[in-house]
Amino acid sequence: MNYGRGGFMASNPQGRYAKNYEPNSYDGPVETGRPLSAPLAVHGHTGTHAAPPHTKDDDFFQAGELYRLMSAEEKSRLVANIAGGLSQVSRDDVIEKNLAHFHAADPEYGRRVEKAVRALRED
């Protein structure tokens, strides 16, 4: 199941609020860890296997690199835009999960977004 809904340019509300991404905090789909297929003998074996690791396999590496490439003005706009939306989320646990992503990408990025979100939520 790929959790796609409705097809191209669908206008019906089928599954409208259901989450179709993983991980999520709303009882949506979860990764099972089951192999996608059984091994098949060819010239050796095929099947589900771990990708060979390399130094940039971190899920947050590229986001941190992009943030560090930005000018000070671009960083400020980015932080303001993210904090504006994230501060409106009603669940504190979802906010904390998201803040952890920014901290993982770049410590300064995380601190700035967290500070901006906290300031907006106090108002």
N, C-alpha and C. Protein backbone atom coordinates (compact mmCIF):
# COMPACT_ATOMS: atom_id res chain seq x y z
N MET A 1 0.85 -1.18 0.00
CA MET A 1 0.00 0.00 0.00
C MET A 1 0.89 1.23 0.00
N ASN A 2 0.64 2.16 -0.90
CA ASN A 2 1.48 3.34 -0.98
C ASN A 2 0.85 4.58 -0.35
N TYR A 3 -0.35 4.47 0.17
CA TYR A 3 -1.07 5.56 0.84
C TYR A 3 -1.38 6.72 -0.10
N GLY A 4 -1.28 6.50 -1.42
CA GLY A 4 -1.74 7.51 -2.36
C GLY A 4 -3.26 7.55 -2.32
N ARG A 5 -3.85 8.71 -2.51
CA ARG A 5 -5.30 8.83 -2.40
C ARG A 5 -5.88 9.52 -3.63
N GLY A 6 -6.94 8.98 -4.15
CA GLY A 6 -7.78 9.67 -5.11
C GLY A 6 -7.29 9.77 -6.53
N GLY A 7 -6.02 9.65 -6.79
CA GLY A 7 -5.53 9.76 -8.15
C GLY A 7 -5.30 11.20 -8.59
N PHE A 8 -4.97 11.34 -9.85
CA PHE A 8 -4.62 12.64 -10.43
C PHE A 8 -5.77 13.64 -10.31
N MET A 9 -5.50 14.78 -9.73
CA MET A 9 -6.44 15.90 -9.57
C MET A 9 -7.78 15.49 -8.95
N ALA A 10 -7.73 14.61 -7.97
CA ALA A 10 -8.95 14.16 -7.30
C ALA A 10 -9.59 15.32 -6.56
N SER A 11 -10.92 15.36 -6.58
CA SER A 11 -11.62 16.44 -5.88
C SER A 11 -12.54 15.91 -4.79
N ASN A 12 -12.54 14.61 -4.55
CA ASN A 12 -13.38 14.07 -3.48
C ASN A 12 -12.60 14.09 -2.16
N PRO A 13 -13.31 14.12 -1.03
CA PRO A 13 -12.63 14.25 0.26
C PRO A 13 -12.17 12.92 0.87
N GLN A 14 -12.08 11.85 0.09
CA GLN A 14 -11.72 10.53 0.62
C GLN A 14 -10.38 10.58 1.35
N GLY A 15 -10.37 10.21 2.63
CA GLY A 15 -9.14 10.21 3.41
C GLY A 15 -8.57 11.59 3.64
N ARG A 16 -9.39 12.59 3.63
CA ARG A 16 -8.94 13.99 3.63
C ARG A 16 -7.93 14.32 4.72
N TYR A 17 -8.21 13.91 5.95
CA TYR A 17 -7.32 14.27 7.05
C TYR A 17 -6.40 13.14 7.47
N ALA A 18 -6.50 12.00 6.85
CA ALA A 18 -5.64 10.86 7.20
C ALA A 18 -4.20 11.17 6.80
N LYS A 19 -3.26 10.83 7.65
CA LYS A 19 -1.84 11.06 7.35
C LYS A 19 -1.34 9.96 6.45
N ASN A 20 -0.57 10.32 5.44
CA ASN A 20 -0.05 9.32 4.51
C ASN A 20 1.47 9.35 4.44
N TYR A 21 2.10 9.72 5.54
CA TYR A 21 3.55 9.76 5.60
C TYR A 21 4.01 9.11 6.90
N GLU A 22 5.27 8.73 6.91
CA GLU A 22 5.83 8.04 8.07
C GLU A 22 7.23 8.57 8.31
N PRO A 23 7.64 8.91 9.50
CA PRO A 23 6.90 8.79 10.76
C PRO A 23 5.91 9.93 10.94
N ASN A 24 4.89 9.72 11.74
CA ASN A 24 3.94 10.76 12.07
C ASN A 24 3.46 10.53 13.50
N SER A 25 2.73 11.48 14.03
CA SER A 25 2.26 11.40 15.42
C SER A 25 0.76 11.17 15.50
N TYR A 26 0.16 10.71 14.43
CA TYR A 26 -1.29 10.60 14.37
C TYR A 26 -1.78 9.22 13.96
N ASP A 27 -1.09 8.17 14.37
CA ASP A 27 -1.50 6.79 14.10
C ASP A 27 -1.62 6.48 12.61
N GLY A 28 -0.76 7.08 11.81
CA GLY A 28 -0.73 6.80 10.38
C GLY A 28 0.15 5.61 10.09
N PRO A 29 0.61 5.47 8.86
CA PRO A 29 1.42 4.31 8.49
C PRO A 29 2.73 4.26 9.27
N VAL A 30 3.23 3.05 9.49
CA VAL A 30 4.52 2.86 10.16
C VAL A 30 5.37 1.88 9.35
N GLU A 31 6.65 2.06 9.41
CA GLU A 31 7.56 1.17 8.73
C GLU A 31 7.54 -0.19 9.40
N THR A 32 7.46 -1.24 8.62
CA THR A 32 7.37 -2.58 9.19
C THR A 32 8.73 -3.25 9.32
N GLY A 33 9.68 -2.88 8.49
CA GLY A 33 10.97 -3.52 8.51
C GLY A 33 10.99 -4.86 7.78
N ARG A 34 9.84 -5.27 7.25
CA ARG A 34 9.78 -6.53 6.50
C ARG A 34 10.46 -6.34 5.15
N PRO A 35 11.12 -7.36 4.66
CA PRO A 35 11.74 -7.27 3.33
C PRO A 35 10.70 -7.01 2.26
N LEU A 36 11.08 -6.26 1.24
CA LEU A 36 10.16 -6.00 0.15
C LEU A 36 9.95 -7.23 -0.73
N SER A 37 10.96 -8.09 -0.78
CA SER A 37 10.84 -9.31 -1.58
C SER A 37 11.77 -10.37 -1.01
N ALA A 38 11.48 -11.61 -1.37
CA ALA A 38 12.34 -12.70 -0.92
C ALA A 38 13.60 -12.74 -1.77
N PRO A 39 14.71 -13.22 -1.24
CA PRO A 39 15.93 -13.31 -2.04
C PRO A 39 15.71 -14.22 -3.25
N LEU A 40 16.38 -13.91 -4.33
CA LEU A 40 16.25 -14.66 -5.56
C LEU A 40 17.64 -15.03 -6.03
N ALA A 41 17.88 -16.33 -6.21
CA ALA A 41 19.20 -16.77 -6.67
C ALA A 41 19.37 -16.41 -8.13
N VAL A 42 20.39 -15.63 -8.42
CA VAL A 42 20.72 -15.27 -9.80
C VAL A 42 22.19 -15.63 -9.93
N HIS A 43 23.02 -14.68 -10.08
CA HIS A 43 24.47 -14.89 -9.99
C HIS A 43 24.85 -14.26 -8.66
N GLY A 44 24.65 -14.95 -7.61
CA GLY A 44 24.73 -14.40 -6.26
C GLY A 44 23.30 -14.30 -5.75
N HIS A 45 23.02 -13.34 -4.88
CA HIS A 45 21.69 -13.18 -4.32
C HIS A 45 21.24 -11.74 -4.42
N THR A 46 19.93 -11.56 -4.58
CA THR A 46 19.34 -10.23 -4.56
C THR A 46 18.33 -10.19 -3.43
N GLY A 47 17.85 -9.03 -3.12
CA GLY A 47 16.84 -8.89 -2.07
C GLY A 47 17.06 -7.60 -1.31
N THR A 48 16.33 -7.43 -0.24
CA THR A 48 16.46 -6.23 0.58
C THR A 48 17.79 -6.27 1.33
N HIS A 49 18.53 -5.20 1.24
CA HIS A 49 19.82 -5.13 1.92
C HIS A 49 20.10 -3.68 2.30
N ALA A 50 20.96 -3.51 3.25
CA ALA A 50 21.32 -2.16 3.69
C ALA A 50 22.19 -1.50 2.63
N ALA A 51 21.93 -0.23 2.39
CA ALA A 51 22.76 0.52 1.45
C ALA A 51 24.13 0.74 2.07
N PRO A 52 25.17 0.76 1.27
CA PRO A 52 26.50 1.01 1.84
C PRO A 52 26.56 2.42 2.43
N PRO A 53 27.03 2.54 3.65
CA PRO A 53 27.05 3.87 4.30
C PRO A 53 28.15 4.76 3.73
N HIS A 54 27.90 6.05 3.76
CA HIS A 54 28.92 7.04 3.44
C HIS A 54 28.73 8.23 4.36
N THR A 55 29.66 9.15 4.35
CA THR A 55 29.70 10.21 5.36
C THR A 55 28.49 11.14 5.34
N LYS A 56 27.77 11.20 4.24
CA LYS A 56 26.63 12.13 4.16
C LYS A 56 25.28 11.42 4.26
N ASP A 57 25.24 10.25 4.92
CA ASP A 57 24.00 9.50 5.06
C ASP A 57 23.07 10.06 6.14
N ASP A 58 23.51 11.02 6.89
CA ASP A 58 22.71 11.64 7.93
C ASP A 58 21.49 12.32 7.28
N ASP A 59 20.31 12.09 7.81
CA ASP A 59 19.09 12.68 7.25
C ASP A 59 19.09 14.21 7.31
N PHE A 60 19.94 14.80 8.12
CA PHE A 60 19.91 16.24 8.32
C PHE A 60 21.11 16.96 7.71
N PHE A 61 22.02 16.22 7.11
CA PHE A 61 23.25 16.78 6.58
C PHE A 61 22.98 17.87 5.55
N GLN A 62 22.16 17.57 4.55
CA GLN A 62 21.91 18.54 3.48
C GLN A 62 21.18 19.78 3.99
N ALA A 63 20.25 19.59 4.91
CA ALA A 63 19.53 20.75 5.45
C ALA A 63 20.49 21.68 6.19
N GLY A 64 21.42 21.12 6.94
CA GLY A 64 22.41 21.94 7.64
C GLY A 64 23.35 22.63 6.67
N GLU A 65 23.78 21.93 5.63
CA GLU A 65 24.66 22.53 4.62
C GLU A 65 23.96 23.71 3.94
N LEU A 66 22.70 23.54 3.58
CA LEU A 66 21.95 24.61 2.93
C LEU A 66 21.82 25.81 3.87
N TYR A 67 21.48 25.55 5.13
CA TYR A 67 21.35 26.65 6.10
C TYR A 67 22.66 27.43 6.20
N ARG A 68 23.77 26.73 6.28
CA ARG A 68 25.07 27.40 6.43
C ARG A 68 25.49 28.17 5.18
N LEU A 69 24.91 27.86 4.04
CA LEU A 69 25.20 28.59 2.81
C LEU A 69 24.44 29.90 2.71
N MET A 70 23.39 30.03 3.48
CA MET A 70 22.51 31.21 3.39
C MET A 70 23.15 32.45 4.00
N SER A 71 22.74 33.60 3.47
CA SER A 71 23.16 34.87 4.05
C SER A 71 22.40 35.07 5.37
N ALA A 72 22.83 36.04 6.16
CA ALA A 72 22.17 36.31 7.44
C ALA A 72 20.71 36.69 7.23
N GLU A 73 20.45 37.46 6.19
CA GLU A 73 19.07 37.87 5.91
C GLU A 73 18.20 36.67 5.49
N GLU A 74 18.76 35.80 4.67
CA GLU A 74 18.03 34.60 4.26
C GLU A 74 17.74 33.70 5.46
N LYS A 75 18.71 33.55 6.34
CA LYS A 75 18.50 32.74 7.54
C LYS A 75 17.39 33.31 8.41
N SER A 76 17.37 34.64 8.55
CA SER A 76 16.34 35.28 9.38
C SER A 76 14.96 35.07 8.79
N ARG A 77 14.83 35.20 7.48
CA ARG A 77 13.53 34.98 6.83
C ARG A 77 13.09 33.53 6.98
N LEU A 78 14.03 32.61 6.80
CA LEU A 78 13.71 31.19 6.93
C LEU A 78 13.21 30.87 8.33
N VAL A 79 13.94 31.33 9.34
CA VAL A 79 13.56 31.07 10.73
C VAL A 79 12.19 31.67 11.03
N ALA A 80 11.95 32.89 10.55
CA ALA A 80 10.65 33.54 10.80
C ALA A 80 9.51 32.77 10.13
N ASN A 81 9.73 32.30 8.91
CA ASN A 81 8.69 31.55 8.21
C ASN A 81 8.38 30.22 8.90
N ILE A 82 9.42 29.50 9.29
CA ILE A 82 9.22 28.22 9.96
C ILE A 82 8.54 28.42 11.31
N ALA A 83 9.04 29.37 12.08
CA ALA A 83 8.48 29.62 13.42
C ALA A 83 7.03 30.08 13.34
N GLY A 84 6.70 30.85 12.32
CA GLY A 84 5.32 31.32 12.16
C GLY A 84 4.33 30.17 12.05
N GLY A 85 4.68 29.17 11.27
CA GLY A 85 3.80 28.02 11.11
C GLY A 85 3.88 27.05 12.28
N LEU A 86 5.09 26.76 12.73
CA LEU A 86 5.28 25.78 13.79
C LEU A 86 4.68 26.26 15.12
N SER A 87 4.68 27.55 15.36
CA SER A 87 4.13 28.08 16.61
C SER A 87 2.62 27.89 16.71
N GLN A 88 1.96 27.63 15.58
CA GLN A 88 0.51 27.46 15.58
C GLN A 88 0.07 26.01 15.79
N VAL A 89 1.03 25.10 15.87
CA VAL A 89 0.70 23.69 16.10
C VAL A 89 0.20 23.54 17.53
N SER A 90 -0.88 22.80 17.70
CA SER A 90 -1.50 22.71 19.03
C SER A 90 -0.84 21.69 19.95
N ARG A 91 -0.12 20.72 19.40
CA ARG A 91 0.47 19.66 20.23
C ARG A 91 1.94 19.95 20.50
N ASP A 92 2.27 20.06 21.79
CA ASP A 92 3.65 20.33 22.19
C ASP A 92 4.62 19.24 21.76
N ASP A 93 4.17 17.97 21.79
CA ASP A 93 5.08 16.89 21.40
C ASP A 93 5.46 16.97 19.92
N VAL A 94 4.54 17.42 19.09
CA VAL A 94 4.84 17.57 17.66
C VAL A 94 5.82 18.72 17.45
N ILE A 95 5.64 19.79 18.20
CA ILE A 95 6.57 20.93 18.11
C ILE A 95 7.97 20.49 18.52
N GLU A 96 8.07 19.74 19.62
CA GLU A 96 9.38 19.29 20.10
C GLU A 96 10.06 18.37 19.09
N LYS A 97 9.31 17.47 18.47
CA LYS A 97 9.88 16.59 17.45
C LYS A 97 10.45 17.40 16.29
N ASN A 98 9.71 18.42 15.88
CA ASN A 98 10.17 19.26 14.78
C ASN A 98 11.38 20.09 15.16
N LEU A 99 11.40 20.63 16.35
CA LEU A 99 12.55 21.41 16.79
C LEU A 99 13.81 20.55 16.82
N ALA A 100 13.66 19.30 17.20
CA ALA A 100 14.81 18.38 17.22
C ALA A 100 15.42 18.24 15.83
N HIS A 101 14.59 18.29 14.80
CA HIS A 101 15.11 18.20 13.42
C HIS A 101 15.98 19.41 13.08
N PHE A 102 15.57 20.58 13.47
CA PHE A 102 16.35 21.78 13.18
C PHE A 102 17.66 21.78 13.97
N HIS A 103 17.60 21.32 15.21
CA HIS A 103 18.83 21.20 16.01
C HIS A 103 19.79 20.21 15.39
N ALA A 104 19.26 19.11 14.84
CA ALA A 104 20.12 18.09 14.23
C ALA A 104 20.77 18.59 12.95
N ALA A 105 20.09 19.46 12.22
CA ALA A 105 20.64 20.00 10.98
C ALA A 105 21.78 20.97 11.27
N ASP A 106 21.59 21.84 12.26
CA ASP A 106 22.62 22.81 12.63
C ASP A 106 22.26 23.37 14.00
N PRO A 107 23.20 23.37 14.96
CA PRO A 107 22.87 23.86 16.31
C PRO A 107 22.33 25.29 16.34
N GLU A 108 22.93 26.17 15.56
CA GLU A 108 22.44 27.57 15.52
C GLU A 108 21.03 27.63 14.95
N TYR A 109 20.80 26.89 13.89
CA TYR A 109 19.49 26.82 13.24
C TYR A 109 18.45 26.38 14.27
N GLY A 110 18.74 25.32 14.99
CA GLY A 110 17.82 24.82 16.00
C GLY A 110 17.54 25.85 17.09
N ARG A 111 18.59 26.49 17.58
CA ARG A 111 18.41 27.49 18.64
C ARG A 111 17.54 28.65 18.16
N ARG A 112 17.80 29.11 16.94
CA ARG A 112 17.04 30.25 16.43
C ARG A 112 15.57 29.91 16.21
N VAL A 113 15.30 28.76 15.63
CA VAL A 113 13.91 28.37 15.41
C VAL A 113 13.21 28.16 16.74
N GLU A 114 13.86 27.49 17.67
CA GLU A 114 13.25 27.25 18.98
C GLU A 114 12.94 28.57 19.69
N LYS A 115 13.88 29.49 19.69
CA LYS A 115 13.67 30.78 20.35
C LYS A 115 12.49 31.52 19.71
N ALA A 116 12.42 31.51 18.38
CA ALA A 116 11.34 32.21 17.68
C ALA A 116 9.99 31.55 17.95
N VAL A 117 9.94 30.24 17.97
CA VAL A 117 8.69 29.52 18.24
C VAL A 117 8.23 29.82 19.67
N ARG A 118 9.14 29.76 20.62
CA ARG A 118 8.77 30.02 22.03
C ARG A 118 8.24 31.46 22.18
N ALA A 119 8.89 32.40 21.51
CA ALA A 119 8.44 33.81 21.60
C ALA A 119 7.04 33.98 21.03
N LEU A 120 6.77 33.34 19.90
CA LEU A 120 5.45 33.46 19.29
C LEU A 120 4.37 32.76 20.11
N ARG A 121 4.71 31.67 20.78
CA ARG A 121 3.73 30.94 21.58
C ARG A 121 3.42 31.66 22.89
N GLU A 122 4.31 32.52 23.34
CA GLU A 122 4.06 33.27 24.58
C GLU A 122 3.07 34.40 24.37
N ASP A 123 2.96 34.86 23.14
CA ASP A 123 2.05 35.99 22.86
C ASP A 123 0.61 35.64 23.03
